[in-house]
């Protein structure tokens, strides 16, 4: 599912981009310059994914905490 224009790609979209970048790095005929560019791009995507996962984890913890407090 695609996000609206101007918004950050979703986690699934970033994972797909990361997979494509990995596949590009695994090709035998990639030049050193292209490999470095792909590696740099992959690291930026990975950093974005980590941030997205962290935000979701914080939301889950907050919801869990609220549910626990409401149960008391």
N, C-alpha and C. Protein backbone atom coordinates (compact mmCIF):
# COMPACT_ATOMS: atom_id res chain seq x y z
N UNK A 1 0.85 -1.18 0.00
CA UNK A 1 0.00 0.00 0.00
C UNK A 1 0.89 1.24 0.00
N UNK A 2 0.63 2.17 -0.87
CA UNK A 2 1.47 3.35 -1.02
C UNK A 2 0.95 4.49 -0.16
N UNK A 3 1.86 5.28 0.35
CA UNK A 3 1.51 6.44 1.17
C UNK A 3 1.22 7.64 0.29
N UNK A 4 0.53 8.60 0.84
CA UNK A 4 0.22 9.84 0.11
C UNK A 4 1.51 10.60 -0.19
N UNK A 5 1.45 11.43 -1.23
CA UNK A 5 2.62 12.20 -1.64
C UNK A 5 3.10 13.07 -0.49
N UNK A 6 4.43 13.14 -0.32
CA UNK A 6 5.01 13.96 0.72
C UNK A 6 5.20 13.26 2.04
N UNK A 7 4.69 12.07 2.18
CA UNK A 7 4.84 11.32 3.42
C UNK A 7 5.95 10.29 3.30
N UNK A 8 6.50 9.93 4.42
CA UNK A 8 7.55 8.93 4.50
C UNK A 8 7.00 7.56 4.09
N UNK A 9 7.77 6.78 3.33
CA UNK A 9 7.31 5.43 2.97
C UNK A 9 7.10 4.58 4.22
N UNK A 10 6.17 3.66 4.15
CA UNK A 10 5.90 2.78 5.27
C UNK A 10 7.01 1.76 5.46
N UNK A 11 6.94 1.06 6.56
CA UNK A 11 7.95 0.07 6.90
C UNK A 11 8.05 -1.02 5.83
N UNK A 12 6.91 -1.49 5.34
CA UNK A 12 6.92 -2.53 4.31
C UNK A 12 7.59 -2.05 3.03
N UNK A 13 7.30 -0.80 2.67
CA UNK A 13 7.93 -0.23 1.47
C UNK A 13 9.44 -0.10 1.65
N UNK A 14 9.86 0.30 2.84
CA UNK A 14 11.30 0.41 3.10
C UNK A 14 11.97 -0.95 3.11
N UNK A 15 11.29 -1.97 3.64
CA UNK A 15 11.86 -3.32 3.59
C UNK A 15 12.03 -3.78 2.15
N UNK A 16 11.06 -3.46 1.29
CA UNK A 16 11.16 -3.83 -0.13
C UNK A 16 12.34 -3.11 -0.79
N UNK A 17 12.52 -1.83 -0.47
CA UNK A 17 13.67 -1.09 -1.00
C UNK A 17 14.98 -1.70 -0.51
N UNK A 18 15.01 -2.07 0.76
CA UNK A 18 16.22 -2.67 1.33
C UNK A 18 16.53 -3.99 0.65
N UNK A 19 15.51 -4.80 0.40
CA UNK A 19 15.70 -6.08 -0.29
C UNK A 19 16.24 -5.86 -1.69
N UNK A 20 15.70 -4.87 -2.41
CA UNK A 20 16.19 -4.56 -3.76
C UNK A 20 17.64 -4.11 -3.72
N UNK A 21 17.99 -3.33 -2.71
CA UNK A 21 19.37 -2.86 -2.57
C UNK A 21 20.31 -4.03 -2.29
N UNK A 22 19.89 -4.95 -1.45
CA UNK A 22 20.70 -6.14 -1.15
C UNK A 22 20.91 -6.97 -2.41
N UNK A 23 19.83 -7.15 -3.18
CA UNK A 23 19.94 -7.91 -4.43
C UNK A 23 20.93 -7.25 -5.38
N UNK A 24 20.89 -5.92 -5.44
CA UNK A 24 21.83 -5.19 -6.30
C UNK A 24 23.27 -5.41 -5.83
N UNK A 25 23.48 -5.41 -4.52
CA UNK A 25 24.83 -5.63 -3.97
C UNK A 25 25.33 -7.05 -4.23
N UNK A 26 24.41 -8.00 -4.34
CA UNK A 26 24.79 -9.40 -4.54
C UNK A 26 25.11 -9.74 -5.99
N UNK A 27 24.87 -8.81 -6.91
CA UNK A 27 25.20 -9.09 -8.31
C UNK A 27 26.71 -9.14 -8.47
N UNK A 28 27.16 -10.02 -9.35
CA UNK A 28 28.60 -10.23 -9.51
C UNK A 28 29.28 -9.11 -10.29
N UNK A 29 28.55 -8.43 -11.14
CA UNK A 29 29.18 -7.44 -12.02
C UNK A 29 29.04 -6.00 -11.52
N UNK A 30 28.76 -5.80 -10.24
CA UNK A 30 28.61 -4.46 -9.71
C UNK A 30 29.99 -3.82 -9.50
N UNK A 31 30.11 -2.57 -9.91
CA UNK A 31 31.38 -1.87 -9.74
C UNK A 31 31.55 -1.45 -8.28
N UNK A 32 32.76 -1.14 -7.91
CA UNK A 32 33.04 -0.71 -6.55
C UNK A 32 32.27 0.56 -6.20
N UNK A 33 32.22 1.49 -7.15
CA UNK A 33 31.50 2.74 -6.92
C UNK A 33 30.00 2.49 -6.72
N UNK A 34 29.44 1.63 -7.57
CA UNK A 34 28.02 1.31 -7.45
C UNK A 34 27.73 0.54 -6.16
N UNK A 35 28.64 -0.34 -5.78
CA UNK A 35 28.49 -1.10 -4.54
C UNK A 35 28.50 -0.16 -3.34
N UNK A 36 29.40 0.80 -3.35
CA UNK A 36 29.47 1.76 -2.25
C UNK A 36 28.21 2.60 -2.19
N UNK A 37 27.71 3.04 -3.35
CA UNK A 37 26.49 3.84 -3.39
C UNK A 37 25.30 3.02 -2.88
N UNK A 38 25.21 1.76 -3.30
CA UNK A 38 24.13 0.89 -2.85
C UNK A 38 24.22 0.62 -1.36
N UNK A 39 25.43 0.41 -0.87
CA UNK A 39 25.65 0.18 0.55
C UNK A 39 25.20 1.41 1.35
N UNK A 40 25.60 2.60 0.91
CA UNK A 40 25.22 3.84 1.60
C UNK A 40 23.71 4.01 1.61
N UNK A 41 23.08 3.73 0.46
CA UNK A 41 21.62 3.83 0.37
C UNK A 41 20.96 2.82 1.32
N UNK A 42 21.48 1.61 1.34
CA UNK A 42 20.94 0.58 2.22
C UNK A 42 21.05 0.95 3.69
N UNK A 43 22.16 1.56 4.07
CA UNK A 43 22.34 1.97 5.46
C UNK A 43 21.36 3.08 5.84
N UNK A 44 21.09 3.98 4.91
CA UNK A 44 20.11 5.05 5.18
C UNK A 44 18.71 4.45 5.32
N UNK A 45 18.37 3.50 4.46
CA UNK A 45 17.06 2.84 4.55
C UNK A 45 16.95 2.09 5.86
N UNK A 46 18.01 1.39 6.24
CA UNK A 46 18.02 0.63 7.49
C UNK A 46 17.84 1.55 8.70
N UNK A 47 18.47 2.70 8.68
CA UNK A 47 18.32 3.67 9.76
C UNK A 47 16.87 4.14 9.84
N UNK A 48 16.26 4.38 8.70
CA UNK A 48 14.85 4.78 8.66
C UNK A 48 13.96 3.67 9.23
N UNK A 49 14.23 2.42 8.83
CA UNK A 49 13.45 1.28 9.33
C UNK A 49 13.58 1.17 10.85
N UNK A 50 14.79 1.33 11.36
CA UNK A 50 15.00 1.25 12.81
C UNK A 50 14.20 2.32 13.53
N UNK A 51 14.16 3.53 12.98
CA UNK A 51 13.37 4.60 13.58
C UNK A 51 11.89 4.29 13.56
N UNK A 52 11.42 3.73 12.45
CA UNK A 52 10.01 3.36 12.35
C UNK A 52 9.66 2.26 13.35
N UNK A 53 10.51 1.28 13.48
CA UNK A 53 10.27 0.19 14.43
C UNK A 53 10.28 0.72 15.85
N UNK A 54 11.21 1.61 16.17
CA UNK A 54 11.25 2.21 17.50
C UNK A 54 9.96 2.95 17.82
N UNK A 55 9.44 3.71 16.85
CA UNK A 55 8.19 4.44 17.08
C UNK A 55 7.03 3.47 17.35
N UNK A 56 6.97 2.39 16.59
CA UNK A 56 5.89 1.41 16.79
C UNK A 56 6.03 0.75 18.16
N UNK A 57 7.26 0.40 18.54
CA UNK A 57 7.47 -0.22 19.86
C UNK A 57 7.03 0.71 20.98
N UNK A 58 7.34 1.99 20.86
CA UNK A 58 6.92 2.96 21.88
C UNK A 58 5.41 3.06 21.94
N UNK A 59 4.75 3.02 20.78
CA UNK A 59 3.29 3.08 20.76
C UNK A 59 2.70 1.84 21.42
N UNK A 60 3.27 0.67 21.15
CA UNK A 60 2.78 -0.57 21.75
C UNK A 60 2.96 -0.52 23.27
N UNK A 61 4.13 -0.07 23.71
CA UNK A 61 4.38 0.04 25.15
C UNK A 61 3.39 1.00 25.81
N UNK A 62 3.12 2.11 25.15
CA UNK A 62 2.18 3.09 25.69
C UNK A 62 0.78 2.49 25.78
N UNK A 63 0.35 1.78 24.73
CA UNK A 63 -0.97 1.15 24.75
C UNK A 63 -1.05 0.06 25.82
N UNK A 64 0.01 -0.71 25.95
CA UNK A 64 0.06 -1.77 26.95
C UNK A 64 -0.01 -1.17 28.35
N UNK A 65 0.74 -0.09 28.55
CA UNK A 65 0.74 0.59 29.84
C UNK A 65 -0.65 1.14 30.16
N UNK A 66 -1.29 1.73 29.17
CA UNK A 66 -2.64 2.28 29.39
C UNK A 66 -3.63 1.16 29.70
N UNK A 67 -3.51 0.05 29.00
CA UNK A 67 -4.39 -1.08 29.26
C UNK A 67 -4.20 -1.65 30.64
N UNK A 68 -2.95 -1.71 31.08
CA UNK A 68 -2.63 -2.22 32.42
C UNK A 68 -3.21 -1.30 33.48
N UNK A 69 -3.07 0.01 33.28
CA UNK A 69 -3.59 0.97 34.26
C UNK A 69 -5.11 0.95 34.30
N UNK A 70 -5.76 0.77 33.13
CA UNK A 70 -7.21 0.72 33.10
C UNK A 70 -7.75 -0.55 33.77
N UNK A 71 -6.96 -1.62 33.73
CA UNK A 71 -7.40 -2.89 34.33
C UNK A 71 -7.36 -2.82 35.84
N UNK A 72 -6.56 -1.91 36.38
CA UNK A 72 -6.45 -1.79 37.84
C UNK A 72 -7.63 -1.07 38.34
